[in-house]
Protein backbone atom coordinates (compact mmCIF):
# COMPACT_ATOMS: atom_id res chain seq x y z
CA MET A 1 3.53 3.18 39.80
CA MET A 2 4.14 -0.28 41.27
CA SER A 3 3.06 -0.93 44.86
CA PHE A 4 5.25 -2.68 47.41
CA ALA A 5 3.19 -5.86 46.97
CA SER A 6 3.70 -5.76 43.20
CA ILE A 7 7.43 -5.25 43.62
CA SER A 8 7.71 -8.16 46.04
CA THR A 9 5.92 -10.54 43.66
CA THR A 10 7.86 -9.31 40.61
CA LEU A 11 11.35 -9.27 42.13
CA PRO A 12 12.10 -13.05 42.33
CA GLY A 13 11.48 -13.70 38.64
CA LEU A 14 13.22 -10.48 37.62
CA LEU A 15 16.30 -11.43 39.64
CA MET A 16 16.31 -14.90 38.07
CA ALA A 17 16.28 -13.40 34.57
CA PHE A 18 18.98 -10.94 35.65
CA ALA A 19 21.13 -13.76 37.05
CA ILE A 20 21.00 -15.58 33.70
CA ALA A 21 21.58 -12.38 31.71
CA VAL A 22 24.89 -11.56 33.46
CA PRO A 23 26.85 -14.64 32.32
CA ALA A 24 25.09 -14.46 28.93
CA TRP A 25 26.20 -10.83 28.54
CA LEU A 26 29.80 -11.77 29.41
CA LEU A 27 29.73 -14.70 26.99
CA GLY A 28 28.39 -12.35 24.32
CA LYS A 29 31.34 -10.02 24.88
CA ALA A 30 33.72 -12.97 24.52
CA VAL A 31 31.95 -14.34 21.43
CA PRO A 32 30.40 -11.27 19.72
CA LEU A 33 29.45 -13.29 16.63
CA ILE A 34 26.78 -15.01 18.77
CA GLY A 35 26.01 -12.17 21.17
CA GLY A 36 24.58 -11.87 24.66
CA PRO A 37 20.87 -12.09 23.73
CA VAL A 38 21.37 -15.44 21.95
CA PHE A 39 23.31 -16.86 24.90
CA ALA A 40 20.58 -15.58 27.25
CA ILE A 41 17.75 -17.30 25.41
CA LEU A 42 19.82 -20.49 25.10
CA LEU A 43 20.55 -20.59 28.84
CA GLY A 44 16.88 -19.85 29.52
CA ILE A 45 15.70 -22.71 27.31
CA LEU A 46 18.17 -25.10 28.96
CA LEU A 47 16.69 -24.20 32.36
CA ALA A 48 13.06 -24.18 31.19
CA GLY A 49 12.59 -27.86 32.08
CA TRP A 50 13.28 -27.14 35.75
CA GLN A 51 10.07 -27.25 37.78
CA ARG A 52 10.58 -23.87 39.38
CA PRO A 53 8.36 -22.51 42.18
CA ALA A 54 5.39 -20.37 41.12
CA VAL A 55 6.88 -17.37 42.93
CA PHE A 56 9.10 -16.68 39.90
CA GLU A 57 6.34 -16.53 37.27
CA THR A 58 5.14 -12.93 37.75
CA GLY A 59 8.65 -11.53 37.49
CA LEU A 60 9.46 -13.62 34.42
CA ARG A 61 6.35 -12.36 32.62
CA PHE A 62 7.32 -8.81 33.62
CA SER A 63 10.86 -9.33 32.30
CA ALA A 64 9.70 -10.81 28.99
CA LYS A 65 7.34 -7.93 28.28
CA LYS A 66 8.03 -4.78 30.30
CA VAL A 67 11.82 -5.08 30.50
CA LEU A 68 11.90 -5.69 26.74
CA GLN A 69 9.80 -2.57 26.12
CA ALA A 70 12.08 -0.59 28.43
CA SER A 71 15.10 -1.83 26.48
CA ILE A 72 13.61 -0.51 23.24
CA VAL A 73 13.11 2.92 24.83
CA LEU A 74 16.68 2.95 26.16
CA LEU A 75 18.06 2.01 22.75
CA GLY A 76 16.59 5.26 21.46
CA PHE A 77 19.28 7.16 23.34
CA GLU A 78 21.91 6.13 20.78
CA MET A 79 19.70 6.98 17.79
CA ASN A 80 19.66 10.15 15.72
CA LEU A 81 16.07 11.23 15.00
CA TYR A 82 16.87 12.16 11.42
CA SER A 83 18.24 8.67 10.82
CA VAL A 84 15.15 7.15 12.45
CA LEU A 85 12.85 9.01 10.06
CA ALA A 86 15.02 8.25 7.01
CA VAL A 87 15.34 4.53 7.73
CA GLY A 88 11.67 4.20 8.62
CA ALA A 89 10.64 5.80 5.33
CA GLN A 90 13.09 3.65 3.34
CA SER A 91 11.66 0.44 4.83
CA LEU A 92 8.02 1.17 3.93
CA LEU A 93 8.28 -0.12 0.36
CA ILE A 94 9.85 -3.40 1.49
CA MET A 95 7.15 -3.75 4.15
CA LEU A 96 4.48 -3.41 1.48
CA PHE A 97 5.90 -6.51 -0.24
CA THR A 98 6.51 -8.51 2.95
CA LEU A 99 3.04 -7.79 4.34
CA SER A 100 1.50 -8.87 1.05
CA ALA A 101 3.63 -12.03 1.00
CA ALA A 102 2.62 -12.98 4.56
CA PHE A 103 -1.11 -12.51 4.03
CA LEU A 104 -1.18 -14.16 0.61
CA THR A 105 0.81 -17.16 1.86
CA ALA A 106 -1.39 -17.48 4.96
CA TRP A 107 -4.52 -17.50 2.80
CA LEU A 108 -3.23 -19.93 0.16
CA VAL A 109 -1.42 -22.40 2.45
CA GLY A 110 -4.20 -22.16 5.04
CA ARG A 111 -6.70 -23.30 2.42
CA LEU A 112 -4.40 -26.10 1.25
CA LEU A 113 -4.00 -27.33 4.84
CA ASN A 114 -7.74 -26.95 5.45
CA LEU A 115 -7.08 -24.75 8.49
CA ARG A 116 -10.51 -23.46 9.40
CA GLY A 117 -11.43 -20.58 11.65
CA ASN A 118 -9.12 -17.69 12.43
CA THR A 119 -5.80 -19.51 12.78
CA SER A 120 -4.60 -18.58 9.28
CA ILE A 121 -5.42 -14.90 9.84
CA LEU A 122 -3.66 -14.83 13.20
CA ILE A 123 -0.51 -16.56 11.94
CA GLY A 124 -0.48 -14.27 8.90
CA VAL A 125 -0.82 -11.15 11.05
CA GLY A 126 1.76 -12.40 13.56
CA THR A 127 4.28 -13.10 10.80
CA ALA A 128 3.60 -9.90 8.90
CA ILE A 129 3.70 -7.42 11.76
CA CYS A 130 4.95 -8.15 15.26
CA GLY A 131 4.34 -11.69 16.43
CA GLY A 132 2.38 -12.26 19.63
CA SER A 133 1.50 -8.59 20.08
CA ALA A 134 -0.23 -8.46 16.71
CA ILE A 135 -2.04 -11.73 17.44
CA ALA A 136 -3.18 -10.46 20.84
CA ALA A 137 -4.45 -7.23 19.28
CA THR A 138 -6.17 -8.97 16.37
CA ALA A 139 -7.79 -11.88 18.23
CA PRO A 140 -10.63 -9.94 19.94
CA VAL A 141 -11.29 -7.98 16.76
CA ILE A 142 -11.99 -11.10 14.67
CA GLY A 143 -13.51 -13.12 17.53
CA ALA A 144 -10.77 -15.77 17.73
CA ASN A 145 -11.09 -18.38 20.49
CA ASP A 146 -8.43 -19.34 23.05
CA LYS A 147 -7.34 -22.45 21.13
CA GLU A 148 -6.75 -20.48 17.93
CA VAL A 149 -4.79 -17.83 19.82
CA ALA A 150 -2.67 -20.45 21.63
CA TYR A 151 -1.84 -22.31 18.41
CA SER A 152 -0.95 -19.09 16.62
CA ILE A 153 1.21 -17.56 19.35
CA SER A 154 3.10 -20.79 20.02
CA THR A 155 3.74 -21.27 16.28
CA ILE A 156 5.02 -17.72 15.84
CA PHE A 157 7.12 -18.01 18.97
CA LEU A 158 8.83 -21.17 17.73
CA PHE A 159 10.00 -19.39 14.58
CA ASN A 160 11.03 -16.34 16.61
CA ILE A 161 13.50 -18.54 18.47
CA ALA A 162 14.71 -20.16 15.26
CA ALA A 163 15.29 -16.73 13.70
CA VAL A 164 17.64 -15.65 16.49
CA PHE A 165 20.03 -18.44 15.49
CA ILE A 166 19.42 -18.78 11.73
CA PHE A 167 19.35 -15.14 10.59
CA PRO A 168 22.80 -13.98 11.83
CA PHE A 169 24.47 -17.10 10.42
CA THR A 170 22.68 -16.68 7.07
CA GLY A 171 23.45 -12.96 6.98
CA HIS A 172 27.18 -13.61 7.35
CA LEU A 173 26.93 -16.39 4.77
CA LEU A 174 25.31 -13.99 2.28
CA GLY A 175 27.77 -11.22 3.14
CA LEU A 176 25.03 -8.75 4.05
CA SER A 177 26.09 -5.29 5.18
CA ASP A 178 25.01 -4.02 8.59
CA ALA A 179 22.24 -1.97 6.96
CA GLY A 180 21.24 -4.87 4.72
CA PHE A 181 20.98 -7.29 7.60
CA GLY A 182 19.19 -4.71 9.76
CA MET A 183 16.61 -4.19 7.03
CA TRP A 184 16.21 -7.95 6.56
CA ALA A 185 15.86 -8.69 10.27
CA GLY A 186 13.54 -5.74 10.84
CA THR A 187 11.19 -6.71 8.00
CA ALA A 188 11.35 -10.52 8.16
CA ILE A 189 11.65 -11.63 11.80
CA ASN A 190 8.31 -11.78 13.59
CA ASP A 191 8.65 -10.47 17.14
CA THR A 192 10.45 -7.35 18.37
CA SER A 193 12.47 -9.33 20.91
CA SER A 194 13.85 -11.70 18.27
CA VAL A 195 14.56 -8.85 15.85
CA VAL A 196 16.61 -7.02 18.45
CA ALA A 197 18.37 -10.18 19.65
CA ALA A 198 19.31 -11.37 16.14
CA ALA A 199 20.33 -7.94 14.83
CA TYR A 200 22.49 -6.94 17.80
CA SER A 201 24.14 -10.37 17.60
CA TYR A 202 25.12 -9.45 14.02
CA SER A 203 26.50 -6.01 14.96
CA ASP A 204 25.57 -2.91 16.93
CA ALA A 205 24.99 -0.99 13.69
CA ALA A 206 22.68 -3.72 12.38
CA GLY A 207 20.86 -3.73 15.72
CA SER A 208 20.22 0.01 15.63
CA TYR A 209 19.02 -0.17 12.02
CA ALA A 210 16.78 -3.19 12.63
CA THR A 211 15.21 -1.61 15.72
CA ILE A 212 14.07 1.42 13.73
CA VAL A 213 12.73 -0.76 10.91
CA LYS A 214 10.90 -3.06 13.32
CA LEU A 215 9.27 -0.20 15.20
CA THR A 216 8.08 1.25 11.90
CA ARG A 217 6.70 -2.17 11.00
CA THR A 218 4.99 -2.46 14.40
CA LEU A 219 2.94 0.63 13.58
CA MET A 220 1.35 -1.35 10.75
CA ILE A 221 -0.72 -3.07 13.41
CA ILE A 222 -2.99 -0.02 13.46
CA PRO A 223 -4.21 0.01 9.82
CA ILE A 224 -4.26 -3.81 9.59
CA THR A 225 -6.28 -4.25 12.78
CA LEU A 226 -8.60 -1.42 11.79
CA ALA A 227 -9.21 -3.07 8.41
CA LEU A 228 -9.91 -6.44 10.07
CA ALA A 229 -12.25 -4.78 12.57
CA ILE A 230 -14.23 -3.14 9.76
CA TYR A 231 -14.29 -6.39 7.74
CA THR A 232 -15.42 -8.49 10.73
CA ALA A 233 -18.08 -5.95 11.71
CA ARG A 234 -19.48 -6.03 8.19
CA GLN A 235 -19.39 -9.84 8.09
CA GLN A 236 -21.28 -10.03 11.36
CA ASN A 237 -23.44 -7.02 10.53
CA ALA A 238 -22.59 -5.64 13.95
CA GLN A 239 -20.70 -2.83 15.61
CA GLY A 240 -16.94 -3.45 15.72
CA THR A 241 -15.07 -3.22 19.04
CA PHE A 242 -11.93 -1.51 17.81
CA ASN A 243 -9.98 0.46 20.41
CA LEU A 244 -6.91 2.30 19.10
CA LEU A 245 -5.50 3.03 22.57
CA LYS A 246 -5.48 -0.67 23.48
CA ILE A 247 -3.40 -1.75 20.50
CA PHE A 248 -1.07 1.21 20.05
CA PRO A 249 2.49 0.27 21.15
CA LEU A 250 3.23 3.12 23.55
CA PHE A 251 6.90 2.12 23.90
CA VAL A 252 7.33 3.35 20.32
CA LEU A 253 6.60 6.87 21.62
CA GLY A 254 9.23 6.33 24.32
CA PHE A 255 11.76 5.28 21.70
CA LEU A 256 11.02 8.39 19.62
CA GLY A 257 11.24 10.57 22.73
CA ALA A 258 14.65 9.11 23.61
CA SER A 259 15.79 9.69 20.01
CA ILE A 260 14.73 13.34 20.26
CA ILE A 261 16.69 13.75 23.50
CA SER A 262 19.76 12.13 21.93
CA THR A 263 19.53 14.25 18.78
CA SER A 264 19.00 17.51 20.65
CA ALA A 265 21.98 16.88 22.98
CA VAL A 266 19.93 17.76 26.08
CA LEU A 267 21.87 15.04 27.92
CA PRO A 268 25.63 14.51 27.65
CA PRO A 269 26.53 12.03 24.87
CA ALA A 270 28.40 9.82 27.34
CA PHE A 271 25.27 9.50 29.52
CA CYS A 272 23.11 8.70 26.49
CA LEU A 273 25.60 5.99 25.51
CA LEU A 274 25.41 4.55 29.04
CA LEU A 275 21.60 4.41 28.83
CA ALA A 276 21.80 2.68 25.46
CA GLN A 277 24.22 0.09 26.88
CA ALA A 278 21.77 -0.52 29.72
CA GLY A 279 19.11 -1.10 27.07
CA LYS A 280 21.25 -3.76 25.39
CA PHE A 281 21.71 -5.53 28.72
CA CYS A 282 17.94 -5.37 29.28
CA ILE A 283 17.53 -7.25 26.00
CA ALA A 284 19.52 -10.13 27.50
CA VAL A 285 17.32 -10.04 30.63
CA ALA A 286 14.17 -10.24 28.49
CA MET A 287 15.64 -13.04 26.36
CA ALA A 288 16.48 -15.04 29.48
CA ALA A 289 12.88 -14.73 30.68
CA ILE A 290 11.51 -15.72 27.27
CA GLY A 291 13.84 -18.74 27.17
CA LEU A 292 12.69 -19.84 30.62
CA ASN A 293 9.10 -19.89 29.37
CA THR A 294 9.91 -21.80 26.18
CA HIS A 295 8.93 -25.48 26.15
CA LEU A 296 9.77 -26.74 22.68
CA ARG A 297 8.06 -30.11 23.10
CA GLN A 298 4.78 -28.44 24.04
CA LEU A 299 4.95 -26.15 21.00
CA ILE A 300 5.46 -29.08 18.65
CA HIS A 301 2.54 -30.98 20.21
CA ASN A 302 0.14 -28.16 19.31
CA GLY A 303 -0.19 -29.56 15.81
CA VAL A 304 1.63 -29.96 12.51
CA ALA A 305 -0.65 -27.83 10.31
CA PRO A 306 -0.18 -24.51 12.18
CA LEU A 307 3.57 -25.17 12.31
CA PHE A 308 3.73 -25.77 8.56
CA LEU A 309 1.68 -22.63 7.90
CA GLY A 310 3.99 -20.62 10.17
CA LEU A 311 7.03 -22.01 8.36
CA ALA A 312 5.55 -21.15 4.95
CA CYS A 313 4.70 -17.56 5.98
CA TRP A 314 8.08 -17.08 7.66
CA ALA A 315 9.99 -18.36 4.63
CA ALA A 316 7.91 -16.25 2.22
CA VAL A 317 8.54 -13.04 4.17
CA ALA A 318 12.28 -13.74 4.57
CA VAL A 319 12.77 -14.48 0.86
CA VAL A 320 10.62 -11.58 -0.36
CA SER A 321 12.47 -9.15 1.91
CA LEU A 322 15.85 -10.25 0.54
CA LEU A 323 14.68 -10.21 -3.08
CA THR A 324 13.14 -6.75 -2.71
CA GLN A 325 16.33 -5.38 -1.18
CA HIS A 326 18.38 -6.94 -3.97
CA TYR A 327 16.08 -5.51 -6.63
CA LEU A 328 16.26 -2.04 -5.04
CA ASN A 329 20.05 -2.32 -4.64
CA LEU A 330 19.87 -1.84 -0.86
CA TRP A 331 22.40 -4.54 0.08
């Protein structure tokens, strides 16, 4: 539970993100093809160059992480548990191909670019699973240094932002169904925030579908990180420092719990719908905070090689996901 001091330091940044999310939400209602989350991140990026007082930083970090996680939980209130399990199971085969594509591309292109150290592994993991969260979980396991982590997270984040704009446009261009786009976004966009933003900009049905797929994909962080921990421990001939509780995304349990409540009709359907709508607004709040912390010039200055590797992995996963769906007749 947050103390009064924590609330007072968090509130300014949270209110700033909220203030940006309100007009973004209204613009999204007026132009549903773009959607509130996209407008929120755009407005945030436009204001990112403002030298704001440090008092806002704690609340913005809270909004970008905790409010986003809360939004995922709230979205569970419009989900049917049986659909969650069915969609999650259906996406596993596609994930097998996209994970393989990400890791193989990271290894091959990383060698071609002569990227030494752990950068290739981190970008591969971030692209394959869940962006910055996967990188943060993997970094201590493989002994990555701060520079490698910074390069990897900034690279992944740049393509997260690009995906929010490119994927919905491309999906409409290809004539993807709501389920087809949801599967594509859920398996091919890196970070949970960008998956939710892009998919709900496409349609509410695509957003619900993509959220389930992405949360299933997020769980892949457990076996992948475990495998890397075992591999690194063997390479170093030392005891691995793998901690399941530290990497497990607990908000996934909240999402499942909300889905169970929705399916069992413990709460009135109208109230569940209201909670889900609150979750969609929280996405805009989180996107505003993420946009405010996005400095595109700084990301580009981190280096060309990590950016090219991130682009190669991102493109490989996006193409493989589409081709696999087409082959399986899931469009």
